[in-house]
Structures are given as C-alpha cells and as structure tokens.
Amino acid sequence: MARCCHGFLGFDAILALEQEIVKLVKNVSFEEVEEEEDVQELLESHAEQLTNEELIELDQQWISEESKDNDDGDIGQETWSLMTKNLSCFFGLLCDMMEIIQPGDHFREWSAKVSRALNDAVSCYREIYHLEICAGEQT
C-alpha cells in the first residue's frame, strides 16, 4: 500500500495506524499479524461480504459458545430463577398499569390500542416466561 499511495493526503495517517496496530498486536502476542501487510490483509478480509454458509457457520459457533456459557449448572439455574421472578413481577406491574388506565378511560379505543401495543411489545418476554415456568414444572 505504501508504494501506491505516496503523494496522496491522508494515507500517511493510515500507514501510521497500521504500524501502531502491529506494535499493539506484538504487545499482546497475537501471532497471526507481524507486518503492516498482515494488518492490511486482515482489514480487507473483514471488508468482504460473507456467504450464507459462512453466516450460518458463524451463527452455529455463536450458539454453541452460548450454550457452553449457559452450562454452568447452579449459576445458570439461579440466573434463570431470578429472571423468572423478575418477569413475573414485571407482568404483574404491567397488568396493574392497564387496570389503572382502562376503567376510567373515556377513549376506550385508545386504551385498547395501548394495551395491544404493550402486549405485542412484551410477547417475546411472555414466551420466555412461559417456557421457564414449563421447564420448572418438569424438573
């Protein structure tokens, strides 16, 4: 890159950044990058679009890493129990809020619209909550 861009403004800053990246990489013992060309190659590789197969593979790797992280036994169970308890409290507060708004509302269409919007917004959490309740009943 250096031999192609002399004389153009801004490229010296890029070269300085690449040299700084190489220094930082050497400080943390990252063996894959040793020269500025390696940095350029690494940056170019991240600029390429991934194929569907590569995206699926990355997604599967991420899922497997997540499942390994969640296989911590008691810690994972405590976290899920706390989450279930918090969700239960959240849904109770949501229900209380709707009971405050709806009875005296002269604009029933609006309160119904708000109710639907809120229920739609939290439906993913409701699903998680119900899955956790069912899983808790099975154990």
Protein backbone atom coordinates (compact mmCIF):
# COMPACT_ATOMS: atom_id res chain seq x y z
CA MET A 1 0.00 0.00 0.00
CA ALA A 2 2.83 2.38 0.82
CA ARG A 3 4.31 2.24 -2.66
CA CYS A 4 0.95 3.04 -4.33
CA CYS A 5 -0.26 5.95 -2.25
CA HIS A 6 2.68 8.34 -1.79
CA GLY A 7 1.67 11.90 -2.51
CA PHE A 8 -1.99 11.50 -1.55
CA LEU A 9 -3.24 13.24 1.56
CA GLY A 10 -4.47 11.03 4.38
CA PHE A 11 -2.62 7.84 3.50
CA ASP A 12 0.29 8.63 5.83
CA ALA A 13 -2.18 8.53 8.71
CA ILE A 14 -3.38 5.10 7.58
CA LEU A 15 0.20 3.81 7.39
CA ALA A 16 0.88 5.17 10.88
CA LEU A 17 -2.26 3.45 12.16
CA GLU A 18 -1.20 0.15 10.59
CA GLN A 19 2.23 0.44 12.23
CA GLU A 20 0.59 1.23 15.57
CA ILE A 21 -1.71 -1.79 15.18
CA VAL A 22 1.32 -4.02 14.54
CA LYS A 23 3.00 -2.69 17.70
CA LEU A 24 -0.13 -3.30 19.77
CA VAL A 25 -0.56 -6.78 18.32
CA LYS A 26 3.03 -7.69 19.15
CA ASN A 27 2.47 -6.44 22.71
CA VAL A 28 -0.40 -8.89 23.20
CA SER A 29 1.42 -11.76 21.44
CA PHE A 30 -1.02 -12.17 18.56
CA GLU A 31 0.99 -14.40 16.21
CA GLU A 32 -1.12 -14.01 13.06
CA VAL A 33 -0.06 -10.39 12.49
CA GLU A 34 3.61 -9.49 12.15
CA GLU A 35 3.83 -6.83 9.42
CA GLU A 36 1.76 -3.94 8.09
CA GLU A 37 0.78 -6.12 5.12
CA ASP A 38 -0.77 -8.61 7.56
CA VAL A 39 -2.85 -5.81 9.06
CA GLN A 40 -3.98 -4.71 5.61
CA GLU A 41 -4.88 -8.31 4.69
CA LEU A 42 -6.81 -8.73 7.94
CA LEU A 43 -8.72 -5.49 7.39
CA GLU A 44 -9.54 -6.45 3.81
CA SER A 45 -10.76 -9.87 4.90
CA HIS A 46 -13.27 -8.21 7.22
CA ALA A 47 -14.49 -5.94 4.44
CA GLU A 48 -15.58 -8.90 2.31
CA GLN A 49 -19.21 -10.00 2.42
CA LEU A 50 -19.80 -13.39 3.96
CA THR A 51 -21.67 -16.10 2.12
CA ASN A 52 -24.85 -17.60 3.56
CA GLU A 53 -22.91 -20.73 4.51
CA GLU A 54 -20.29 -18.68 6.36
CA LEU A 55 -23.00 -16.73 8.19
CA ILE A 56 -24.75 -19.96 9.19
CA GLU A 57 -21.45 -21.40 10.42
CA LEU A 58 -20.71 -18.27 12.46
CA ASP A 59 -24.22 -18.37 13.91
CA GLN A 60 -23.80 -22.03 14.89
CA GLN A 61 -20.44 -21.26 16.51
CA TRP A 62 -22.03 -18.42 18.46
CA ILE A 63 -24.90 -20.65 19.59
CA SER A 64 -22.52 -23.42 20.71
CA GLU A 65 -20.41 -20.89 22.65
CA GLU A 66 -23.56 -19.51 24.28
CA SER A 67 -24.71 -22.99 25.26
CA LYS A 68 -21.28 -23.72 26.78
CA ASP A 69 -21.52 -20.49 28.77
CA ASN A 70 -25.02 -21.44 29.95
CA ASP A 71 -23.89 -24.90 31.08
CA ASP A 72 -22.57 -23.53 34.37
CA GLY A 73 -25.02 -25.59 36.45
CA ASP A 74 -26.17 -23.82 39.60
CA ILE A 75 -25.17 -20.35 38.46
CA GLY A 76 -27.26 -20.72 35.30
CA GLN A 77 -30.24 -22.03 37.28
CA GLU A 78 -30.01 -19.15 39.76
CA THR A 79 -29.92 -16.67 36.89
CA TRP A 80 -32.99 -18.23 35.26
CA SER A 81 -34.83 -18.29 38.60
CA LEU A 82 -34.09 -14.62 39.14
CA MET A 83 -35.16 -13.82 35.58
CA THR A 84 -38.41 -15.74 36.03
CA LYS A 85 -39.10 -13.91 39.29
CA ASN A 86 -38.37 -10.53 37.68
CA LEU A 87 -40.57 -11.32 34.69
CA SER A 88 -43.41 -12.34 36.99
CA CYS A 89 -43.12 -9.02 38.83
CA PHE A 90 -42.91 -7.16 35.51
CA PHE A 91 -46.08 -8.76 34.16
CA GLY A 92 -47.88 -8.03 37.42
CA LEU A 93 -46.92 -4.35 37.19
CA LEU A 94 -47.98 -4.25 33.55
CA CYS A 95 -51.37 -5.70 34.47
CA ASP A 96 -51.73 -3.18 37.32
CA MET A 97 -50.91 -0.35 34.94
CA MET A 98 -53.55 -1.46 32.47
CA GLU A 99 -56.13 -1.72 35.28
CA ILE A 100 -55.39 1.90 36.22
CA ILE A 101 -55.79 3.18 32.67
CA GLN A 102 -58.72 1.18 31.30
CA PRO A 103 -61.65 1.53 33.75
CA GLY A 104 -61.93 5.31 33.71
CA ASP A 105 -60.77 5.83 30.15
CA HIS A 106 -63.28 7.72 28.03
CA PHE A 107 -61.24 6.82 24.96
CA ARG A 108 -61.60 3.05 25.01
CA GLU A 109 -60.20 2.68 21.51
CA TRP A 110 -57.00 4.36 22.63
CA SER A 111 -56.63 2.28 25.77
CA ALA A 112 -57.30 -0.88 23.76
CA LYS A 113 -54.68 0.20 21.24
CA VAL A 114 -52.16 0.88 24.03
CA SER A 115 -52.97 -2.46 25.64
CA ARG A 116 -52.41 -4.32 22.35
CA ALA A 117 -49.17 -2.43 21.70
CA LEU A 118 -47.82 -3.20 25.16
CA ASN A 119 -48.79 -6.86 24.93
CA ASP A 120 -47.20 -7.13 21.49
CA ALA A 121 -44.05 -5.41 22.76
CA VAL A 122 -43.58 -7.85 25.64
CA SER A 123 -44.72 -11.01 23.86
CA CYS A 124 -41.14 -12.28 23.50
CA TYR A 125 -40.66 -11.98 27.26
CA ARG A 126 -44.00 -13.69 27.88
CA GLU A 127 -42.83 -16.60 25.74
CA ILE A 128 -39.57 -16.86 27.69
CA TYR A 129 -41.51 -16.69 30.95
CA HIS A 130 -43.92 -19.46 29.93
CA LEU A 131 -41.04 -21.66 28.72
CA GLU A 132 -39.27 -21.22 32.04
CA ILE A 133 -42.43 -21.98 34.01
CA CYS A 134 -42.98 -25.16 31.97
CA ALA A 135 -39.33 -26.17 32.37
CA GLY A 136 -39.58 -25.60 36.12
CA GLU A 137 -42.68 -27.78 36.38
CA GLN A 138 -40.95 -30.64 34.54
CA THR A 139 -37.99 -30.74 36.93
